[in-house]
Structures are given as C-alpha cells and as structure tokens.
Amino acid sequence: MVSVAVDQMLIGKDEPKGFSFENCRRNAFMAKQGVTLPKARSTGTTIVGVIFNEGVVLGADTRATGGSIVCDLNCEKIHYIADNVYCCGAGTAADTEFTTRTVSSRMELLKLRTGREGRVISALRMLKQYLFRYQGHVSAALVLGGVDVNGPALYTVYPHGSTDKLPYVTMGSGSLAAMSVFEDGYKVGINEEDAKKLVRDAIRAGIINDLGSGSNVDITVIKKGSVQQFRPYEVICKKSERQGDYT
C-alpha cells in the first residue's frame, strides 16, 4: 500500500518537460555583471576518409583550440565505435567524445544481443537519430567509416543529423583544402598505400591552409578482420626549439 501511494504522488507531481533554460538566464545575468564566461573547447579540425579496394582509411589532425588559444597539440580525433567501425569527430571536443562513446556502448550491446558483428549502417542510424533529436545543439560533425559483411562504407554525419555516403569525404574547418586534394588525386580502385598517402596529403593541406588545424596527421586503416592505427603517421608542425637561454 505504501508503494502504491508513493507511485500516485509521483504521477501527480508536475515535472518540467523539454529543455530547461535557467542556465541561459543565469549566464546572461553574469555576462551583464562583467563576468567572463568560459568558452567551449573546439576542435577546429580537418577530418577525412577515403575508400580503397580493401577497406577504409580515416585521417585527422591533432590540434584542439579554444577560441584563438591552442589547448592541445596532440588531441585524438579518431574515435572507436566497434572493432570494425571508427569515427572522426569535428566540432566541440566534449560533444564528439560523448556522442561517440554513447554510440560505441550501444553498438556493443547490440553485438551482445544479436551475437553478430555490428554493421556500419547500424552505427550511422544511432548517430543520426541522436544528433537529430537535439536539432544541431550537439556540435558534432562526424566522418564514419568501417568494413562489414557488405564491404567498406564511408559516411558523413552533420550536426543536425543529415548524412552523405561517398567514396571520399572531408569535414571540419580545413575541409575545403582537403577536398581539393581528394578531387585531384582520387581514383576508383585505389590501393592501400596510395590511399594513405592521399589522406596524408589532404590533412596536410588542411593544416597548412587552416589555423584551426595543426600538429600531426593521425591515420586509421580499417580492413576486413584488422585495424591499423598510426598515431602519428606524420608530424607536420614541429615545435620550434628555444633560441636563447632565459635563465
């Protein structure tokens, strides 16, 4: 009888629905008082992917920025989704990390429930449904790639939940420079070594032409039954040595 009464009290209680904007009003008030609010750490980024004859190559730079400040020189932007599926993230670092971890856990639960290897399209559907629910307020632009029973697959996922399926893709603030390299050098049926060099050149173009991208080139090669990660594959922006002695 006690549990029934508690349930009725909970049902009758008015609970807030939807988004709560109390923090927005608080932040606006603090800004008027002259308080400087912290800025989100953003991965002004170049991320790319290309399909070759045996699998997929994903690539990313490693610079993370907060406004005009470089927060991290060696940020890992290629995230694990499943044993055969990986994802590059651009946007707000916390959003990309949380989103990919959430989908990774769901993919593991799906694998345990079905007893089969997860498919790339399953991860894609989870990502696009999650992002569409928040209507772009989760700042995560993603390049999803992997190999399953249907062969290699490569997708882009935009923060609003829309997706593309293409043989080569780029995203992030350095995407235009990277795409110019892909448009010039991509060939149908490209082999693994040429695909790795093409991804390296695309990321290098993004680093050179975009201030939000920098440091190193990370590459992940996904093939049927194997994954190779090169971190770093190549160092583009080497830290300069101190010229004088200031002691």
Protein backbone atom coordinates (compact mmCIF):
# COMPACT_ATOMS: atom_id res chain seq x y z
CA MET A 1 0.00 0.00 0.00
CA VAL A 2 2.86 2.37 0.77
CA SER A 3 4.44 1.81 -2.66
CA VAL A 4 1.12 2.48 -4.40
CA ALA A 5 0.74 5.76 -2.52
CA VAL A 6 4.27 6.81 -3.47
CA ASP A 7 3.59 6.00 -7.13
CA GLN A 8 0.43 8.10 -7.07
CA MET A 9 2.34 11.01 -5.54
CA LEU A 10 4.98 10.78 -8.27
CA ILE A 11 2.38 10.60 -11.03
CA GLY A 12 0.54 13.62 -9.68
CA LYS A 13 3.69 15.70 -9.37
CA ASP A 14 4.24 18.23 -12.16
CA GLU A 15 7.64 17.59 -13.70
CA PRO A 16 9.28 20.03 -16.13
CA LYS A 17 9.27 18.83 -19.72
CA GLY A 18 11.64 19.68 -22.56
CA PHE A 19 14.71 21.89 -22.26
CA SER A 20 15.44 24.00 -19.18
CA PHE A 21 16.76 27.48 -19.97
CA GLU A 22 17.52 28.51 -16.38
CA ASN A 23 21.28 28.37 -17.03
CA CYS A 24 20.87 30.60 -20.09
CA ARG A 25 19.24 33.31 -17.96
CA ARG A 26 21.92 32.86 -15.31
CA ASN A 27 24.71 33.16 -17.90
CA ALA A 28 23.13 36.29 -19.41
CA PHE A 29 22.90 37.87 -15.95
CA MET A 30 26.55 37.01 -15.19
CA ALA A 31 27.65 38.48 -18.53
CA LYS A 32 25.89 41.75 -17.69
CA GLN A 33 27.80 41.84 -14.39
CA GLY A 34 31.08 41.66 -16.31
CA VAL A 35 31.88 38.02 -15.58
CA THR A 36 33.84 36.36 -18.41
CA LEU A 37 32.21 33.04 -19.21
CA PRO A 38 34.38 30.03 -20.14
CA LYS A 39 34.47 29.08 -23.80
CA ALA A 40 33.88 25.59 -25.11
CA ARG A 41 36.95 23.74 -26.30
CA SER A 42 36.51 23.42 -30.04
CA THR A 43 38.42 21.14 -32.39
CA GLY A 44 38.84 23.47 -35.36
CA THR A 45 39.61 20.48 -37.45
CA THR A 46 40.42 18.69 -40.66
CA ILE A 47 38.98 15.16 -40.80
CA VAL A 48 38.81 12.99 -43.90
CA GLY A 49 38.04 9.49 -45.11
CA VAL A 50 38.54 7.52 -48.33
CA ILE A 51 37.51 4.07 -49.54
CA PHE A 52 40.19 1.89 -51.14
CA ASN A 53 39.95 -1.54 -52.74
CA GLU A 54 40.11 -3.47 -49.45
CA GLY A 55 38.72 -1.10 -46.83
CA VAL A 56 38.63 2.44 -45.49
CA VAL A 57 41.30 4.95 -44.44
CA LEU A 58 40.34 7.65 -41.92
CA GLY A 59 42.55 10.64 -41.13
CA ALA A 60 42.57 13.64 -38.78
CA ASP A 61 44.82 16.37 -37.48
CA THR A 62 45.56 16.67 -33.74
CA ARG A 63 45.11 20.36 -32.80
CA ALA A 64 42.36 21.38 -30.34
CA THR A 65 41.61 25.07 -29.87
CA GLY A 66 39.59 27.25 -27.53
CA GLY A 67 38.96 30.47 -29.40
CA SER A 68 42.39 31.73 -30.51
CA ILE A 69 44.25 29.58 -27.96
CA VAL A 70 45.69 26.15 -28.82
CA CYS A 71 44.56 23.92 -25.94
CA ASP A 72 46.04 20.60 -27.04
CA LEU A 73 48.74 19.76 -29.58
CA ASN A 74 48.00 16.03 -29.63
CA CYS A 75 44.23 15.64 -29.39
CA GLU A 76 42.90 12.24 -30.52
CA LYS A 77 40.06 12.81 -33.00
CA ILE A 78 39.62 9.28 -34.39
CA HIS A 79 37.21 7.52 -32.02
CA TYR A 80 36.48 3.82 -31.51
CA ILE A 81 32.89 2.76 -32.27
CA ALA A 82 33.28 -1.00 -32.73
CA ASP A 83 36.01 -3.45 -33.71
CA ASN A 84 35.25 -2.80 -37.38
CA VAL A 85 33.90 0.77 -37.19
CA TYR A 86 35.72 4.03 -36.33
CA CYS A 87 34.64 7.66 -36.40
CA CYS A 88 36.43 11.02 -36.82
CA GLY A 89 34.96 13.96 -34.90
CA ALA A 90 34.95 17.71 -35.55
CA GLY A 91 33.21 20.42 -33.53
CA THR A 92 33.15 20.74 -29.75
CA ALA A 93 35.54 18.18 -28.25
CA ALA A 94 33.24 17.20 -25.38
CA ASP A 95 30.28 16.67 -27.72
CA THR A 96 32.20 14.48 -30.16
CA GLU A 97 33.71 12.42 -27.32
CA PHE A 98 30.39 11.86 -25.51
CA THR A 99 28.45 11.14 -28.71
CA THR A 100 30.92 8.55 -29.99
CA ARG A 101 31.21 6.87 -26.58
CA THR A 102 27.43 6.64 -26.30
CA VAL A 103 27.08 5.03 -29.72
CA SER A 104 30.04 2.73 -29.04
CA SER A 105 28.33 1.36 -25.92
CA ARG A 106 25.08 0.87 -27.84
CA MET A 107 26.92 -0.98 -30.60
CA GLU A 108 28.48 -3.31 -28.01
CA LEU A 109 25.06 -4.03 -26.50
CA LEU A 110 23.69 -4.73 -30.00
CA LYS A 111 26.55 -7.14 -30.65
CA LEU A 112 25.91 -8.99 -27.38
CA ARG A 113 22.19 -9.20 -28.07
CA THR A 114 22.45 -10.44 -31.67
CA GLY A 115 25.70 -12.39 -31.44
CA ARG A 116 26.90 -10.84 -34.69
CA GLU A 117 29.41 -8.22 -35.73
CA GLY A 118 27.90 -4.74 -35.84
CA ARG A 119 27.28 -3.08 -39.20
CA VAL A 120 28.35 0.40 -40.20
CA ILE A 121 24.78 1.34 -41.11
CA SER A 122 23.69 0.49 -37.53
CA ALA A 123 26.19 2.99 -36.09
CA LEU A 124 25.12 5.54 -38.68
CA ARG A 125 21.46 5.26 -37.70
CA MET A 126 22.26 5.61 -33.99
CA LEU A 127 24.39 8.71 -34.64
CA LYS A 128 21.92 10.48 -36.92
CA GLN A 129 18.95 9.81 -34.63
CA TYR A 130 20.86 11.07 -31.59
CA LEU A 131 22.00 14.27 -33.33
CA PHE A 132 18.63 14.98 -34.96
CA ARG A 133 16.98 14.82 -31.55
CA TYR A 134 18.98 17.88 -30.43
CA GLN A 135 18.49 19.84 -33.68
CA GLY A 136 22.14 20.83 -34.07
CA HIS A 137 22.73 21.91 -30.46
CA VAL A 138 25.16 18.98 -30.07
CA SER A 139 28.14 20.30 -32.01
CA ALA A 140 29.45 17.06 -33.53
CA ALA A 141 30.32 16.75 -37.23
CA LEU A 142 31.47 13.21 -37.94
CA VAL A 143 33.13 11.03 -40.56
CA LEU A 144 32.08 7.40 -40.03
CA GLY A 145 33.87 4.53 -41.71
CA GLY A 146 34.14 0.78 -41.40
CA VAL A 147 34.04 -2.64 -43.06
CA ASP A 148 31.26 -5.19 -42.53
CA VAL A 149 29.51 -8.00 -44.44
CA ASN A 150 28.57 -5.50 -47.15
CA GLY A 151 32.15 -4.34 -47.66
CA PRO A 152 33.72 -0.94 -46.92
CA ALA A 153 31.40 2.00 -46.17
CA LEU A 154 32.04 5.70 -45.56
CA TYR A 155 29.58 8.36 -44.36
CA THR A 156 29.49 11.95 -43.17
CA VAL A 157 27.14 12.92 -40.35
CA TYR A 158 26.26 16.59 -39.89
CA PRO A 159 25.33 18.13 -36.50
CA HIS A 160 21.63 18.30 -37.49
CA GLY A 161 21.56 14.58 -38.30
CA SER A 162 21.75 14.65 -42.11
CA THR A 163 24.14 12.19 -43.77
CA ASP A 164 26.00 11.52 -47.02
CA LYS A 165 27.50 8.33 -48.44
CA LEU A 166 30.50 8.99 -50.69
CA PRO A 167 33.79 7.31 -51.74
CA TYR A 168 35.80 10.16 -50.18
CA VAL A 169 34.70 12.79 -47.67
CA THR A 170 36.06 15.75 -45.71
CA MET A 171 34.69 17.76 -42.79
CA GLY A 172 35.85 20.49 -40.43
CA SER A 173 37.28 23.97 -40.88
CA GLY A 174 40.03 22.68 -43.19
CA SER A 175 37.68 20.56 -45.31
CA LEU A 176 37.84 22.71 -48.47
CA ALA A 177 41.62 22.44 -48.76
CA ALA A 178 41.45 18.69 -48.08
CA MET A 179 38.69 18.19 -50.64
CA SER A 180 40.77 19.89 -53.34
CA VAL A 181 43.47 17.23 -52.79
CA PHE A 182 40.90 14.42 -52.99
CA GLU A 183 39.33 15.82 -56.16
CA ASP A 184 42.74 15.93 -57.79
CA GLY A 185 44.20 12.62 -56.63
CA TYR A 186 41.37 10.11 -56.06
CA LYS A 187 41.00 7.17 -58.43
CA VAL A 188 38.45 4.36 -58.37
CA GLY A 189 40.03 1.16 -57.02
CA ILE A 190 42.90 2.97 -55.31
CA ASN A 191 45.21 0.67 -53.30
CA GLU A 192 46.03 0.95 -49.59
CA GLU A 193 49.39 2.72 -49.82
CA ASP A 194 48.12 5.31 -52.28
CA ALA A 195 45.03 5.87 -50.11
CA LYS A 196 47.21 6.51 -47.03
CA LYS A 197 49.36 8.97 -48.95
CA LEU A 198 46.26 10.71 -50.31
CA VAL A 199 44.79 11.06 -46.81
CA ARG A 200 48.12 12.38 -45.51
CA ASP A 201 48.27 14.98 -48.27
CA ALA A 202 44.66 16.01 -47.63
CA ILE A 203 45.24 16.50 -43.90
CA ARG A 204 48.49 18.36 -44.62
CA ALA A 205 46.62 20.73 -46.94
CA GLY A 206 44.06 21.37 -44.19
CA ILE A 207 46.78 22.04 -41.62
CA ILE A 208 48.69 24.43 -43.88
CA ASN A 209 45.61 26.39 -45.03
CA ASP A 210 43.57 26.44 -41.78
CA LEU A 211 44.66 27.99 -38.49
CA GLY A 212 42.27 25.75 -36.54
CA SER A 213 44.04 22.61 -37.76
CA GLY A 214 47.61 21.68 -36.90
CA SER A 215 50.26 19.45 -35.34
CA ASN A 216 50.24 15.84 -36.59
CA VAL A 217 48.48 13.52 -39.01
CA ASP A 218 46.68 10.53 -37.44
CA ILE A 219 45.55 7.70 -39.72
CA THR A 220 43.43 4.60 -39.11
CA VAL A 221 43.23 1.82 -41.73
CA ILE A 222 40.21 -0.48 -41.45
CA LYS A 223 40.14 -3.74 -43.40
CA LYS A 224 38.17 -6.96 -43.05
CA GLY A 225 39.34 -8.51 -39.79
CA SER A 226 42.06 -5.96 -38.99
CA VAL A 227 42.56 -2.35 -37.91
CA GLN A 228 45.86 -0.41 -38.02
CA GLN A 229 46.29 2.89 -36.22
CA PHE A 230 49.17 5.25 -36.99
CA ARG A 231 49.49 7.90 -34.28
CA PRO A 232 51.19 9.94 -35.52
CA TYR A 233 51.51 8.96 -39.16
CA GLU A 234 53.44 12.15 -39.87
CA VAL A 235 54.39 15.27 -37.90
CA ILE A 236 53.56 18.40 -39.91
CA CYS A 237 54.03 21.25 -37.40
CA LYS A 238 57.18 20.59 -35.40
CA LYS A 239 57.62 22.60 -32.21
CA SER A 240 60.43 25.08 -32.65
CA GLU A 241 63.44 24.92 -30.37
CA ARG A 242 64.21 27.73 -27.91
CA GLN A 243 66.80 30.00 -29.45
CA GLY A 244 68.20 31.58 -26.30
CA ASP A 245 68.86 30.86 -22.64
CA TYR A 246 66.47 32.80 -20.39
CA THR A 247 67.73 31.54 -17.03
